[in-house]
Every structure is written in structure tokens, then in C-alpha cells.
Amino acid sequence: MTDRPIELDGRRGMAAQKATKNRRRRAAVKAQHTGLVARQHDLEANLFAAEAATWPEAADKARYLLERFAAALTCDDPRLHSMVAAVLSDFARLSGPIGPEVRDS
């Protein structure tokens, strides 16, 4: 008897090696996806646990929802994608630092 492990992958045919590699990759992707979903649920629980105290906080919540909506769009209507992109651009522009011309008025 020997203490060295037997490398079974080397003893399989090419098709069996490919199938094993694909199974391992699918399992890794599934594990990563499960972790991602758990982190996303934690983020949502923290983000929506309390009411927004300021407009930028409300915009952050709306931005998050719009990004989720845009990611879930399955239609091929480019108008919806461009409208979501326009609103996200507005949020980014309006959430930025206040310029001197706005403070003076």
C-alpha cells in the first residue's frame, strides 16, 4: 500500500475529464451566485431598513432600484434602456457637489 493519492483525472478519457471540469465549474459558479444573492439581500435590508433622511439618500435608493430594473429588463426596447440611463445620469449630475453659481442664488 502507498501513501500517495491516485490522480484519477489522468486515468479518465478526454470526454470524462471535460465533463468533470464542467461539473466543477458549474458548482463553483453556483456557489459564487449563492454568495452574491446573500450579499445582495444584506445590502437591500440595510438600504431599505429606514426612511431616507435627505434627498441624496432617497436618490441612492432610487438609483439602486433603477439599476436593478435595468439589469432585469429582458425586452429589446431601446427606449426603456435609454430612459433608465438618462435618469441615472440625472441622479449623478444632481447628486454632485453644488457649484458656486447654485450657492449664490
PDB file of N, CA and C in Angstrom:
ATOM      1  N   MET A   1       0.841  -1.165   0.000  1.00  0.00           N
ATOM      2  CA  MET A   1       0.000   0.000   0.000  1.00  0.00           C
ATOM      3  C   MET A   1       0.897   1.243   0.000  1.00  0.00           C
ATOM      4  N   THR A   2       0.419   2.292  -0.647  1.00  0.00           N
ATOM      5  CA  THR A   2       1.205   3.515  -0.772  1.00  0.00           C
ATOM      6  C   THR A   2       0.453   4.694  -0.144  1.00  0.00           C
ATOM      7  N   ASP A   3       1.201   5.700   0.286  1.00  0.00           N
ATOM      8  CA  ASP A   3       0.589   6.881   0.893  1.00  0.00           C
ATOM      9  C   ASP A   3       0.255   7.959  -0.137  1.00  0.00           C
ATOM     10  N   ARG A   4       0.684   7.764  -1.374  1.00  0.00           N
ATOM     11  CA  ARG A   4       0.434   8.754  -2.407  1.00  0.00           C
ATOM     12  C   ARG A   4      -0.992   8.610  -2.931  1.00  0.00           C
ATOM     13  N   PRO A   5      -1.707   9.754  -3.082  1.00  0.00           N
ATOM     14  CA  PRO A   5      -3.057   9.661  -3.647  1.00  0.00           C
ATOM     15  C   PRO A   5      -2.991   9.338  -5.142  1.00  0.00           C
ATOM     16  N   ILE A   6      -3.994   8.690  -5.617  1.00  0.00           N
ATOM     17  CA  ILE A   6      -4.075   8.335  -7.028  1.00  0.00           C
ATOM     18  C   ILE A   6      -4.795   9.465  -7.757  1.00  0.00           C
ATOM     19  N   GLU A   7      -4.177   9.979  -8.795  1.00  0.00           N
ATOM     20  CA  GLU A   7      -4.775  11.045  -9.595  1.00  0.00           C
ATOM     21  C   GLU A   7      -5.724  10.388 -10.601  1.00  0.00           C
ATOM     22  N   LEU A   8      -7.006  10.451 -10.285  1.00  0.00           N
ATOM     23  CA  LEU A   8      -7.991   9.778 -11.131  1.00  0.00           C
ATOM     24  C   LEU A   8      -8.254  10.527 -12.434  1.00  0.00           C
ATOM     25  N   ASP A   9      -8.094  11.845 -12.422  1.00  0.00           N
ATOM     26  CA  ASP A   9      -8.366  12.602 -13.640  1.00  0.00           C
ATOM     27  C   ASP A   9      -7.469  12.151 -14.793  1.00  0.00           C
ATOM     28  N   GLY A  10      -6.258  11.791 -14.492  1.00  0.00           N
ATOM     29  CA  GLY A  10      -5.331  11.342 -15.529  1.00  0.00           C
ATOM     30  C   GLY A  10      -5.695   9.982 -16.104  1.00  0.00           C
ATOM     31  N   ARG A  11      -6.478   9.225 -15.406  1.00  0.00           N
ATOM     32  CA  ARG A  11      -6.851   7.885 -15.856  1.00  0.00           C
ATOM     33  C   ARG A  11      -8.160   7.881 -16.645  1.00  0.00           C
ATOM     34  N   ARG A  12      -8.832   9.026 -16.694  1.00  0.00           N
ATOM     35  CA  ARG A  12     -10.093   9.114 -17.429  1.00  0.00           C
ATOM     36  C   ARG A  12      -9.819   9.520 -18.866  1.00  0.00           C
ATOM     37  N   GLY A  13     -10.807   9.255 -19.708  1.00  0.00           N
ATOM     38  CA  GLY A  13     -10.708   9.693 -21.094  1.00  0.00           C
ATOM     39  C   GLY A  13     -10.944  11.195 -21.193  1.00  0.00           C
ATOM     40  N   MET A  14     -10.711  11.763 -22.360  1.00  0.00           N
ATOM     41  CA  MET A  14     -10.842  13.200 -22.550  1.00  0.00           C
ATOM     42  C   MET A  14     -12.270  13.664 -22.305  1.00  0.00           C
ATOM     43  N   ALA A  15     -13.257  12.922 -22.741  1.00  0.00           N
ATOM     44  CA  ALA A  15     -14.655  13.311 -22.547  1.00  0.00           C
ATOM     45  C   ALA A  15     -15.004  13.323 -21.063  1.00  0.00           C
ATOM     46  N   ALA A  16     -14.535  12.339 -20.330  1.00  0.00           N
ATOM     47  CA  ALA A  16     -14.806  12.284 -18.891  1.00  0.00           C
ATOM     48  C   ALA A  16     -14.086  13.412 -18.164  1.00  0.00           C
ATOM     49  N   GLN A  17     -12.865  13.740 -18.583  1.00  0.00           N
ATOM     50  CA  GLN A  17     -12.144  14.855 -17.973  1.00  0.00           C
ATOM     51  C   GLN A  17     -12.861  16.174 -18.225  1.00  0.00           C
ATOM     52  N   LYS A  18     -13.350  16.344 -19.454  1.00  0.00           N
ATOM     53  CA  LYS A  18     -14.078  17.570 -19.798  1.00  0.00           C
ATOM     54  C   LYS A  18     -15.366  17.667 -18.990  1.00  0.00           C
ATOM     55  N   ALA A  19     -16.088  16.563 -18.854  1.00  0.00           N
ATOM     56  CA  ALA A  19     -17.331  16.562 -18.092  1.00  0.00           C
ATOM     57  C   ALA A  19     -17.062  16.879 -16.619  1.00  0.00           C
ATOM     58  N   THR A  20     -15.987  16.336 -16.077  1.00  0.00           N
ATOM     59  CA  THR A  20     -15.625  16.616 -14.684  1.00  0.00           C
ATOM     60  C   THR A  20     -15.288  18.085 -14.503  1.00  0.00           C
ATOM     61  N   LYS A  21     -14.521  18.633 -15.432  1.00  0.00           N
ATOM     62  CA  LYS A  21     -14.149  20.051 -15.364  1.00  0.00           C
ATOM     63  C   LYS A  21     -15.403  20.935 -15.438  1.00  0.00           C
ATOM     64  N   ASN A  22     -16.335  20.576 -16.315  1.00  0.00           N
ATOM     65  CA  ASN A  22     -17.576  21.354 -16.432  1.00  0.00           C
ATOM     66  C   ASN A  22     -18.420  21.272 -15.156  1.00  0.00           C
ATOM     67  N   ARG A  23     -18.493  20.099 -14.553  1.00  0.00           N
ATOM     68  CA  ARG A  23     -19.235  19.951 -13.298  1.00  0.00           C
ATOM     69  C   ARG A  23     -18.613  20.803 -12.196  1.00  0.00           C
ATOM     70  N   ARG A  24     -17.297  20.802 -12.118  1.00  0.00           N
ATOM     71  CA  ARG A  24     -16.611  21.604 -11.095  1.00  0.00           C
ATOM     72  C   ARG A  24     -16.841  23.101 -11.323  1.00  0.00           C
ATOM     73  N   ARG A  25     -16.796  23.530 -12.568  1.00  0.00           N
ATOM     74  CA  ARG A  25     -17.037  24.944 -12.873  1.00  0.00           C
ATOM     75  C   ARG A  25     -18.467  25.346 -12.537  1.00  0.00           C
ATOM     76  N   ARG A  26     -19.439  24.496 -12.900  1.00  0.00           N
ATOM     77  CA  ARG A  26     -20.839  24.792 -12.568  1.00  0.00           C
ATOM     78  C   ARG A  26     -21.035  24.896 -11.068  1.00  0.00           C
ATOM     79  N   ALA A  27     -20.415  24.009 -10.319  1.00  0.00           N
ATOM     80  CA  ALA A  27     -20.534  24.041  -8.859  1.00  0.00           C
ATOM     81  C   ALA A  27     -19.911  25.324  -8.305  1.00  0.00           C
ATOM     82  N   ALA A  28     -18.783  25.748  -8.858  1.00  0.00           N
ATOM     83  CA  ALA A  28     -18.141  26.983  -8.398  1.00  0.00           C
ATOM     84  C   ALA A  28     -19.002  28.202  -8.721  1.00  0.00           C
ATOM     85  N   VAL A  29     -19.576  28.233  -9.915  1.00  0.00           N
ATOM     86  CA  VAL A  29     -20.442  29.349 -10.305  1.00  0.00           C
ATOM     87  C   VAL A  29     -21.675  29.388  -9.417  1.00  0.00           C
ATOM     88  N   LYS A  30     -22.251  28.231  -9.141  1.00  0.00           N
ATOM     89  CA  LYS A  30     -23.434  28.169  -8.287  1.00  0.00           C
ATOM     90  C   LYS A  30     -23.108  28.681  -6.883  1.00  0.00           C
ATOM     91  N   ALA A  31     -21.959  28.303  -6.349  1.00  0.00           N
ATOM     92  CA  ALA A  31     -21.556  28.764  -5.018  1.00  0.00           C
ATOM     93  C   ALA A  31     -21.333  30.271  -5.017  1.00  0.00           C
ATOM     94  N   GLN A  32     -20.698  30.804  -6.052  1.00  0.00           N
ATOM     95  CA  GLN A  32     -20.490  32.247  -6.146  1.00  0.00           C
ATOM     96  C   GLN A  32     -21.808  32.983  -6.269  1.00  0.00           C
ATOM     97  N   HIS A  33     -22.728  32.440  -7.056  1.00  0.00           N
ATOM     98  CA  HIS A  33     -24.042  33.067  -7.225  1.00  0.00           C
ATOM     99  C   HIS A  33     -24.809  33.086  -5.906  1.00  0.00           C
ATOM    100  N   THR A  34     -24.743  32.012  -5.157  1.00  0.00           N
ATOM    101  CA  THR A  34     -25.412  31.952  -3.862  1.00  0.00           C
ATOM    102  C   THR A  34     -24.849  33.006  -2.917  1.00  0.00           C
ATOM    103  N   GLY A  35     -23.540  33.172  -2.899  1.00  0.00           N
ATOM    104  CA  GLY A  35     -22.912  34.201  -2.073  1.00  0.00           C
ATOM    105  C   GLY A  35     -23.313  35.600  -2.518  1.00  0.00           C
ATOM    106  N   LEU A  36     -23.380  35.819  -3.834  1.00  0.00           N
ATOM    107  CA  LEU A  36     -23.776  37.113  -4.369  1.00  0.00           C
ATOM    108  C   LEU A  36     -25.205  37.456  -3.969  1.00  0.00           C
ATOM    109  N   VAL A  37     -26.104  36.493  -4.076  1.00  0.00           N
ATOM    110  CA  VAL A  37     -27.503  36.724  -3.705  1.00  0.00           C
ATOM    111  C   VAL A  37     -27.607  37.047  -2.217  1.00  0.00           C
ATOM    112  N   ALA A  38     -26.856  36.359  -1.389  1.00  0.00           N
ATOM    113  CA  ALA A  38     -26.886  36.630   0.054  1.00  0.00           C
ATOM    114  C   ALA A  38     -26.378  38.040   0.350  1.00  0.00           C
ATOM    115  N   ARG A  39     -25.282  38.451  -0.299  1.00  0.00           N
ATOM    116  CA  ARG A  39     -24.763  39.809  -0.090  1.00  0.00           C
ATOM    117  C   ARG A  39     -25.743  40.860  -0.604  1.00  0.00           C
ATOM    118  N   GLN A  40     -26.418  40.565  -1.705  1.00  0.00           N
ATOM    119  CA  GLN A  40     -27.400  41.495  -2.257  1.00  0.00           C
ATOM    120  C   GLN A  40     -28.586  41.653  -1.306  1.00  0.00           C
ATOM    121  N   HIS A  41     -29.035  40.584  -0.702  1.00  0.00           N
ATOM    122  CA  HIS A  41     -30.131  40.660   0.270  1.00  0.00           C
ATOM    123  C   HIS A  41     -29.715  41.471   1.496  1.00  0.00           C
ATOM    124  N   ASP A  42     -28.474  41.287   1.947  1.00  0.00           N
ATOM    125  CA  ASP A  42     -27.975  42.075   3.077  1.00  0.00           C
ATOM    126  C   ASP A  42     -27.945  43.567   2.732  1.00  0.00           C
ATOM    127  N   LEU A  43     -27.471  43.884   1.536  1.00  0.00           N
ATOM    128  CA  LEU A  43     -27.439  45.276   1.095  1.00  0.00           C
ATOM    129  C   LEU A  43     -28.836  45.874   1.064  1.00  0.00           C
ATOM    130  N   GLU A  44     -29.779  45.143   0.504  1.00  0.00           N
ATOM    131  CA  GLU A  44     -31.153  45.640   0.413  1.00  0.00           C
ATOM    132  C   GLU A  44     -31.772  45.809   1.792  1.00  0.00           C
ATOM    133  N   ALA A  45     -31.482  44.897   2.693  1.00  0.00           N
ATOM    134  CA  ALA A  45     -32.027  45.017   4.044  1.00  0.00           C
ATOM    135  C   ALA A  45     -31.492  46.268   4.728  1.00  0.00           C
ATOM    136  N   ASN A  46     -30.204  46.558   4.543  1.00  0.00           N
ATOM    137  CA  ASN A  46     -29.622  47.762   5.149  1.00  0.00           C
ATOM    138  C   ASN A  46     -30.083  49.031   4.442  1.00  0.00           C
ATOM    139  N   LEU A  47     -30.166  48.989   3.123  1.00  0.00           N
ATOM    140  CA  LEU A  47     -30.519  50.165   2.342  1.00  0.00           C
ATOM    141  C   LEU A  47     -31.957  50.609   2.602  1.00  0.00           C
ATOM    142  N   PHE A  48     -32.851  49.661   2.751  1.00  0.00           N
ATOM    143  CA  PHE A  48     -34.263  49.992   2.894  1.00  0.00           C
ATOM    144  C   PHE A  48     -34.793  49.781   4.311  1.00  0.00           C
ATOM    145  N   ALA A  49     -33.900  49.690   5.281  1.00  0.00           N
ATOM    146  CA  ALA A  49     -34.320  49.480   6.670  1.00  0.00           C
ATOM    147  C   ALA A  49     -34.972  50.727   7.258  1.00  0.00           C
ATOM    148  N   ALA A  50     -34.527  51.885   6.836  1.00  0.00           N
ATOM    149  CA  ALA A  50     -35.059  53.130   7.392  1.00  0.00           C
ATOM    150  C   ALA A  50     -35.404  54.085   6.256  1.00  0.00           C
ATOM    151  N   GLU A  51     -36.203  55.073   6.594  1.00  0.00           N
ATOM    152  CA  GLU A  51     -36.560  56.087   5.613  1.00  0.00           C
ATOM    153  C   GLU A  51     -35.343  56.961   5.316  1.00  0.00           C
ATOM    154  N   ALA A  52     -35.307  57.506   4.122  1.00  0.00           N
ATOM    155  CA  ALA A  52     -34.221  58.406   3.746  1.00  0.00           C
ATOM    156  C   ALA A  52     -34.371  59.716   4.503  1.00  0.00           C
ATOM    157  N   ALA A  53     -33.280  60.231   5.006  1.00  0.00           N
ATOM    158  CA  ALA A  53     -33.302  61.485   5.754  1.00  0.00           C
ATOM    159  C   ALA A  53     -33.029  62.689   4.860  1.00  0.00           C
ATOM    160  N   THR A  54     -32.371  62.452   3.709  1.00  0.00           N
ATOM    161  CA  THR A  54     -32.040  63.538   2.805  1.00  0.00           C
ATOM    162  C   THR A  54     -32.376  63.132   1.371  1.00  0.00           C
ATOM    163  N   TRP A  55     -32.396  64.126   0.498  1.00  0.00           N
ATOM    164  CA  TRP A  55     -32.638  63.834  -0.914  1.00  0.00           C
ATOM    165  C   TRP A  55     -31.550  62.952  -1.516  1.00  0.00           C
ATOM    166  N   PRO A  56     -30.282  63.171  -1.199  1.00  0.00           N
ATOM    167  CA  PRO A  56     -29.271  62.258  -1.756  1.00  0.00           C
ATOM    168  C   PRO A  56     -29.471  60.799  -1.323  1.00  0.00           C
ATOM    169  N   GLU A  57     -29.917  60.568  -0.090  1.00  0.00           N
ATOM    170  CA  GLU A  57     -30.196  59.195   0.347  1.00  0.00           C
ATOM    171  C   GLU A  57     -31.360  58.610  -0.440  1.00  0.00           C
ATOM    172  N   ALA A  58     -32.394  59.425  -0.668  1.00  0.00           N
ATOM    173  CA  ALA A  58     -33.533  58.957  -1.461  1.00  0.00           C
ATOM    174  C   ALA A  58     -33.103  58.666  -2.896  1.00  0.00           C
ATOM    175  N   ALA A  59     -32.223  59.515  -3.429  1.00  0.00           N
ATOM    176  CA  ALA A  59     -31.716  59.292  -4.790  1.00  0.00           C
ATOM    177  C   ALA A  59     -30.892  58.016  -4.855  1.00  0.00           C
ATOM    178  N   ASP A  60     -30.119  57.724  -3.812  1.00  0.00           N
ATOM    179  CA  ASP A  60     -29.347  56.481  -3.792  1.00  0.00           C
ATOM    180  C   ASP A  60     -30.261  55.260  -3.835  1.00  0.00           C
ATOM    181  N   LYS A  61     -31.341  55.316  -3.085  1.00  0.00           N
ATOM    182  CA  LYS A  61     -32.300  54.203  -3.099  1.00  0.00           C
ATOM    183  C   LYS A  61     -32.941  54.064  -4.474  1.00  0.00           C
ATOM    184  N   ALA A  62     -33.356  55.186  -5.049  1.00  0.00           N
ATOM    185  CA  ALA A  62     -33.974  55.150  -6.378  1.00  0.00           C
ATOM    186  C   ALA A  62     -32.978  54.669  -7.431  1.00  0.00           C
ATOM    187  N   ARG A  63     -31.724  55.118  -7.315  1.00  0.00           N
ATOM    188  CA  ARG A  63     -30.680  54.688  -8.249  1.00  0.00           C
ATOM    189  C   ARG A  63     -30.505  53.176  -8.177  1.00  0.00           C
ATOM    190  N   TYR A  64     -30.485  52.644  -6.961  1.00  0.00           N
ATOM    191  CA  TYR A  64     -30.316  51.200  -6.797  1.00  0.00           C
ATOM    192  C   TYR A  64     -31.475  50.453  -7.469  1.00  0.00           C
ATOM    193  N   LEU A  65     -32.702  50.927  -7.225  1.00  0.00           N
ATOM    194  CA  LEU A  65     -33.863  50.255  -7.822  1.00  0.00           C
ATOM    195  C   LEU A  65     -33.844  50.341  -9.340  1.00  0.00           C
ATOM    196  N   LEU A  66     -33.461  51.505  -9.877  1.00  0.00           N
ATOM    197  CA  LEU A  66     -33.399  51.643 -11.328  1.00  0.00           C
ATOM    198  C   LEU A  66     -32.321  50.746 -11.937  1.00  0.00           C
ATOM    199  N   GLU A  67     -31.188  50.632 -11.255  1.00  0.00           N
ATOM    200  CA  GLU A  67     -30.136  49.749 -11.762  1.00  0.00           C
ATOM    201  C   GLU A  67     -30.598  48.294 -11.748  1.00  0.00           C
ATOM    202  N   ARG A  68     -31.304  47.894 -10.691  1.00  0.00           N
ATOM    203  CA  ARG A  68     -31.857  46.528 -10.642  1.00  0.00           C
ATOM    204  C   ARG A  68     -32.885  46.322 -11.750  1.00  0.00           C
ATOM    205  N   PHE A  69     -33.736  47.341 -11.966  1.00  0.00           N
ATOM    206  CA  PHE A  69     -34.741  47.264 -13.021  1.00  0.00           C
ATOM    207  C   PHE A  69     -34.066  47.142 -14.381  1.00  0.00           C
ATOM    208  N   ALA A  70     -33.054  47.964 -14.621  1.00  0.00           N
ATOM    209  CA  ALA A  70     -32.361  47.932 -15.912  1.00  0.00           C
ATOM    210  C   ALA A  70     -31.679  46.588 -16.139  1.00  0.00           C
ATOM    211  N   ALA A  71     -31.130  46.008 -15.084  1.00  0.00           N
ATOM    212  CA  ALA A  71     -30.465  44.709 -15.215  1.00  0.00           C
ATOM    213  C   ALA A  71     -31.471  43.604 -15.508  1.00  0.00           C
ATOM    214  N   ALA A  72     -32.711  43.786 -15.042  1.00  0.00           N
ATOM    215  CA  ALA A  72     -33.729  42.753 -15.226  1.00  0.00           C
ATOM    216  C   ALA A  72     -34.512  42.926 -16.527  1.00  0.00           C
ATOM    217  N   LEU A  73     -34.282  44.019 -17.246  1.00  0.00           N
ATOM    218  CA  LEU A  73     -35.017  44.231 -18.494  1.00  0.00           C
ATOM    219  C   LEU A  73     -34.667  43.145 -19.499  1.00  0.00           C
ATOM    220  N   THR A  74     -35.666  42.466 -19.986  1.00  0.00           N
ATOM    221  CA  THR A  74     -35.440  41.424 -20.977  1.00  0.00           C
ATOM    222  C   THR A  74     -35.933  41.837 -22.346  1.00  0.00           C
ATOM    223  N   CYS A  75     -36.651  42.951 -22.400  1.00  0.00           N
ATOM    224  CA  CYS A  75     -37.183  43.390 -23.686  1.00  0.00           C
ATOM    225  C   CYS A  75     -36.074  44.043 -24.516  1.00  0.00           C
ATOM    226  N   ASP A  76     -36.330  44.128 -25.792  1.00  0.00           N
ATOM    227  CA  ASP A  76     -35.356  44.721 -26.697  1.00  0.00           C
ATOM    228  C   ASP A  76     -35.709  46.167 -27.022  1.00  0.00           C
ATOM    229  N   ASP A  77     -36.537  46.783 -26.194  1.00  0.00           N
ATOM    230  CA  ASP A  77     -36.955  48.157 -26.434  1.00  0.00           C
ATOM    231  C   ASP A  77     -35.837  49.098 -25.995  1.00  0.00           C
ATOM    232  N   PRO A  78     -35.135  49.707 -26.934  1.00  0.00           N
ATOM    233  CA  PRO A  78     -34.022  50.581 -26.558  1.00  0.00           C
ATOM    234  C   PRO A  78     -34.480  51.845 -25.839  1.00  0.00           C
ATOM    235  N   ARG A  79     -35.755  52.214 -26.001  1.00  0.00           N
ATOM    236  CA  ARG A  79     -36.269  53.399 -25.306  1.00  0.00           C
ATOM    237  C   ARG A  79     -36.191  53.229 -23.801  1.00  0.00           C
ATOM    238  N   LEU A  80     -36.568  52.064 -23.298  1.00  0.00           N
ATOM    239  CA  LEU A  80     -36.525  51.832 -21.847  1.00  0.00           C
ATOM    240  C   LEU A  80     -35.104  51.909 -21.327  1.00  0.00           C
ATOM    241  N   HIS A  81     -34.180  51.290 -22.039  1.00  0.00           N
ATOM    242  CA  HIS A  81     -32.777  51.341 -21.613  1.00  0.00           C
ATOM    243  C   HIS A  81     -32.255  52.773 -21.617  1.00  0.00           C
ATOM    244  N   SER A  82     -32.615  53.546 -22.648  1.00  0.00           N
ATOM    245  CA  SER A  82     -32.121  54.923 -22.711  1.00  0.00           C
ATOM    246  C   SER A  82     -32.782  55.793 -21.657  1.00  0.00           C
ATOM    247  N   MET A  83     -34.062  55.534 -21.326  1.00  0.00           N
ATOM    248  CA  MET A  83     -34.730  56.313 -20.275  1.00  0.00           C
ATOM    249  C   MET A  83     -34.096  56.041 -18.912  1.00  0.00           C
ATOM    250  N   VAL A  84     -33.819  54.796 -18.620  1.00  0.00           N
ATOM    251  CA  VAL A  84     -33.171  54.456 -17.346  1.00  0.00           C
ATOM    252  C   VAL A  84     -31.789  55.091 -17.294  1.00  0.00           C
ATOM    253  N   ALA A  85     -31.049  55.019 -18.387  1.00  0.00           N
ATOM    254  CA  ALA A  85     -29.718  55.622 -18.424  1.00  0.00           C
ATOM    255  C   ALA A  85     -29.801  57.131 -18.234  1.00  0.00           C
ATOM    256  N   ALA A  86     -30.811  57.776 -18.812  1.00  0.00           N
ATOM    257  CA  ALA A  86     -30.967  59.224 -18.663  1.00  0.00           C
ATOM    258  C   ALA A  86     -31.278  59.605 -17.221  1.00  0.00           C
ATOM    259  N   VAL A  87     -32.141  58.851 -16.565  1.00  0.00           N
ATOM    260  CA  VAL A  87     -32.484  59.155 -15.167  1.00  0.00           C
ATOM    261  C   VAL A  87     -31.276  58.926 -14.268  1.00  0.00           C
ATOM    262  N   LEU A  88     -30.527  57.847 -14.493  1.00  0.00           N
ATOM    263  CA  LEU A  88     -29.319  57.603 -13.698  1.00  0.00           C
ATOM    264  C   LEU A  88     -28.292  58.714 -13.922  1.00  0.00           C
ATOM    265  N   SER A  89     -28.204  59.206 -15.139  1.00  0.00           N
ATOM    266  CA  SER A  89     -27.297  60.319 -15.424  1.00  0.00           C
ATOM    267  C   SER A  89     -27.751  61.587 -14.699  1.00  0.00           C
ATOM    268  N   ASP A  90     -29.063  61.820 -14.678  1.00  0.00           N
ATOM    269  CA  ASP A  90     -29.592  62.977 -13.938  1.00  0.00           C
ATOM    270  C   ASP A  90     -29.264  62.871 -12.456  1.00  0.00           C
ATOM    271  N   PHE A  91     -29.437  61.685 -11.886  1.00  0.00           N
ATOM    272  CA  PHE A  91     -29.114  61.488 -10.467  1.00  0.00           C
ATOM    273  C   PHE A  91     -27.648  61.785 -10.204  1.00  0.00           C
ATOM    274  N   ALA A  92     -26.772  61.289 -11.073  1.00  0.00           N
ATOM    275  CA  ALA A  92     -25.345  61.520 -10.891  1.00  0.00           C
ATOM    276  C   ALA A  92     -25.022  63.009 -10.985  1.00  0.00           C
ATOM    277  N   ARG A  93     -25.626  63.689 -11.948  1.00  0.00           N
ATOM    278  CA  ARG A  93     -25.364  65.113 -12.136  1.00  0.00           C
ATOM    279  C   ARG A  93     -25.897  65.926 -10.971  1.00  0.00           C
ATOM    280  N   LEU A  94     -27.104  65.633 -10.523  1.00  0.00           N
ATOM    281  CA  LEU A  94     -27.734  66.415  -9.463  1.00  0.00           C
ATOM    282  C   LEU A  94     -27.233  66.058  -8.077  1.00  0.00           C
ATOM    283  N   SER A  95     -26.629  64.883  -7.915  1.00  0.00           N
ATOM    284  CA  SER A  95     -26.108  64.475  -6.610  1.00  0.00           C
ATOM    285  C   SER A  95     -24.682  64.963  -6.387  1.00  0.00           C
ATOM    286  N   GLY A  96     -24.084  65.541  -7.409  1.00  0.00           N
ATOM    287  CA  GLY A  96     -22.701  66.004  -7.301  1.00  0.00           C
ATOM    288  C   GLY A  96     -22.594  67.214  -6.408  1.00  0.00           C
ATOM    289  N   PRO A  97     -21.372  67.686  -6.218  1.00  0.00           N
ATOM    290  CA  PRO A  97     -21.169  68.862  -5.359  1.00  0.00           C
ATOM    291  C   PRO A  97     -21.860  70.090  -5.955  1.00  0.00           C
ATOM    292  N   ILE A  98     -22.327  70.959  -5.091  1.00  0.00           N
ATOM    293  CA  ILE A  98     -23.021  72.171  -5.509  1.00  0.00           C
ATOM    294  C   ILE A  98     -21.981  73.179  -5.972  1.00  0.00           C
ATOM    295  N   GLY A  99     -22.168  73.684  -7.177  1.00  0.00           N
ATOM    296  CA  GLY A  99     -21.240  74.667  -7.722  1.00  0.00           C
ATOM    297  C   GLY A  99     -21.483  76.055  -7.138  1.00  0.00           C
ATOM    298  N   PRO A 100     -20.556  76.985  -7.311  1.00  0.00           N
ATOM    299  CA  PRO A 100     -20.695  78.327  -6.739  1.00  0.00           C
ATOM    300  C   PRO A 100     -21.875  79.091  -7.327  1.00  0.00           C
ATOM    301  N   GLU A 101     -22.242  78.811  -8.585  1.00  0.00           N
ATOM    302  CA  GLU A 101     -23.364  79.534  -9.185  1.00  0.00           C
ATOM    303  C   GLU A 101     -24.685  79.138  -8.555  1.00  0.00           C
ATOM    304  N   VAL A 102     -24.778  77.923  -8.020  1.00  0.00           N
ATOM    305  CA  VAL A 102     -26.016  77.483  -7.376  1.00  0.00           C
ATOM    306  C   VAL A 102     -26.103  78.020  -5.961  1.00  0.00           C
ATOM    307  N   ARG A 103     -24.985  78.124  -5.266  1.00  0.00           N
ATOM    308  CA  ARG A 103     -24.976  78.612  -3.877  1.00  0.00           C
ATOM    309  C   ARG A 103     -25.359  80.084  -3.800  1.00  0.00           C
ATOM    310  N   ASP A 104     -24.955  80.886  -4.799  1.00  0.00           N
ATOM    311  CA  ASP A 104     -25.192  82.313  -4.766  1.00  0.00           C
ATOM    312  C   ASP A 104     -26.641  82.660  -5.014  1.00  0.00           C
ATOM    313  N   SER A 105     -27.408  81.840  -5.642  1.00  0.00           N
ATOM    314  CA  SER A 105     -28.782  82.195  -5.955  1.00  0.00           C
ATOM    315  C   SER A 105     -29.751  81.942  -4.847  1.00  0.00           C
TER     316      SER A 105
END
